[in-house]
Amino acid sequence: MRVSRVAFLINDLVRDPLHLALAYSGVPLYRSRITRNDAPASVRQAYTPTELCALLEPLEISRIEISRHYLFRMGVIAWKRA
């Protein structure tokens, strides 16, 4: 928050058991061995919206907007205090 003027944006995956199952079911289709390893690992290491909100609580933020999107995506806007 120290270096932002108005707000900052976070675009991330949402950790969910169904999303992890989808990542594992796609493994046979991935051509790269890096993708076969990285796709499930990224889902396992993602945050849930409540965890992300708890991480942002100590910051000097006036308001946090969290929106969930298609295919287990999440957008967060943290607005700076005036």
Protein backbone atom coordinates (compact mmCIF):
# COMPACT_ATOMS: atom_id res chain seq x y z
CA MET A 1 0.00 0.00 0.00
CA ARG A 2 2.95 2.29 0.62
CA VAL A 3 3.82 2.62 -3.07
CA SER A 4 0.30 2.61 -4.55
CA ARG A 5 -1.59 5.84 -5.19
CA VAL A 6 -5.19 4.68 -5.12
CA ALA A 7 -5.44 0.86 -4.94
CA PHE A 8 -3.79 -2.39 -5.94
CA LEU A 9 -5.19 -5.37 -7.77
CA ILE A 10 -4.64 -9.08 -7.18
CA ASN A 11 -5.63 -11.63 -9.83
CA ASP A 12 -5.24 -15.21 -8.61
CA LEU A 13 -6.62 -18.74 -8.61
CA VAL A 14 -9.07 -19.94 -5.97
CA ARG A 15 -8.16 -23.13 -4.11
CA ASP A 16 -11.07 -25.56 -4.37
CA PRO A 17 -11.24 -29.37 -4.43
CA LEU A 18 -13.15 -29.35 -7.72
CA HIS A 19 -10.52 -27.08 -9.29
CA LEU A 20 -7.77 -29.46 -8.14
CA ALA A 21 -9.66 -32.41 -9.65
CA LEU A 22 -9.94 -30.51 -12.95
CA ALA A 23 -6.21 -29.75 -12.90
CA TYR A 24 -5.38 -33.43 -12.35
CA SER A 25 -7.85 -34.59 -15.00
CA GLY A 26 -6.11 -32.39 -17.57
CA VAL A 27 -2.64 -33.82 -16.88
CA PRO A 28 -2.81 -36.36 -19.76
CA LEU A 29 -3.59 -33.52 -22.18
CA TYR A 30 -0.66 -31.30 -21.17
CA ARG A 31 2.28 -31.55 -23.55
CA SER A 32 4.94 -30.08 -21.28
CA ARG A 33 6.14 -31.91 -18.18
CA ILE A 34 6.49 -28.52 -16.47
CA THR A 35 2.78 -27.85 -17.01
CA ARG A 36 1.87 -31.33 -15.78
CA ASN A 37 3.64 -30.54 -12.52
CA ASP A 38 2.86 -26.84 -12.23
CA ALA A 39 -0.91 -26.86 -12.85
CA PRO A 40 -1.89 -28.96 -9.79
CA ALA A 41 0.82 -27.31 -7.67
CA SER A 42 -0.55 -23.84 -8.47
CA VAL A 43 -4.05 -24.87 -7.43
CA ARG A 44 -2.81 -26.46 -4.18
CA GLN A 45 -0.88 -23.27 -3.27
CA ALA A 46 -3.66 -20.81 -4.14
CA TYR A 47 -5.60 -18.91 -1.47
CA THR A 48 -9.28 -18.97 -0.65
CA PRO A 49 -11.04 -15.58 -0.53
CA THR A 50 -11.24 -15.69 3.28
CA GLU A 51 -7.51 -16.47 3.60
CA LEU A 52 -6.64 -13.59 1.28
CA CYS A 53 -8.88 -11.24 3.25
CA ALA A 54 -7.11 -12.28 6.47
CA LEU A 55 -3.72 -11.59 4.84
CA LEU A 56 -4.79 -8.08 3.84
CA GLU A 57 -6.36 -7.13 7.20
CA PRO A 58 -3.18 -5.72 8.83
CA LEU A 59 -2.63 -3.30 5.93
CA GLU A 60 -3.98 0.24 5.96
CA ILE A 61 -6.86 -0.42 3.57
CA SER A 62 -10.18 1.42 3.50
CA ARG A 63 -12.05 -1.31 1.62
CA ILE A 64 -11.43 -4.70 -0.01
CA GLU A 65 -13.50 -5.89 -2.99
CA ILE A 66 -13.30 -9.59 -3.82
CA SER A 67 -15.00 -10.99 -6.91
CA ARG A 68 -15.03 -14.57 -8.11
CA HIS A 69 -14.92 -15.30 -11.81
CA TYR A 70 -15.29 -18.18 -14.26
CA LEU A 71 -12.98 -21.21 -13.89
CA PHE A 72 -11.98 -20.58 -10.28
CA ARG A 73 -10.45 -17.14 -10.73
CA MET A 74 -10.56 -14.37 -8.15
CA GLY A 75 -10.02 -10.64 -8.44
CA VAL A 76 -9.22 -8.49 -5.42
CA ILE A 77 -9.08 -4.71 -5.28
CA ALA A 78 -7.64 -3.20 -2.10
CA TRP A 79 -8.42 0.52 -1.88
CA LYS A 80 -6.04 2.82 -0.07
CA ARG A 81 -7.25 5.09 2.72
CA ALA A 82 -7.58 8.76 1.81
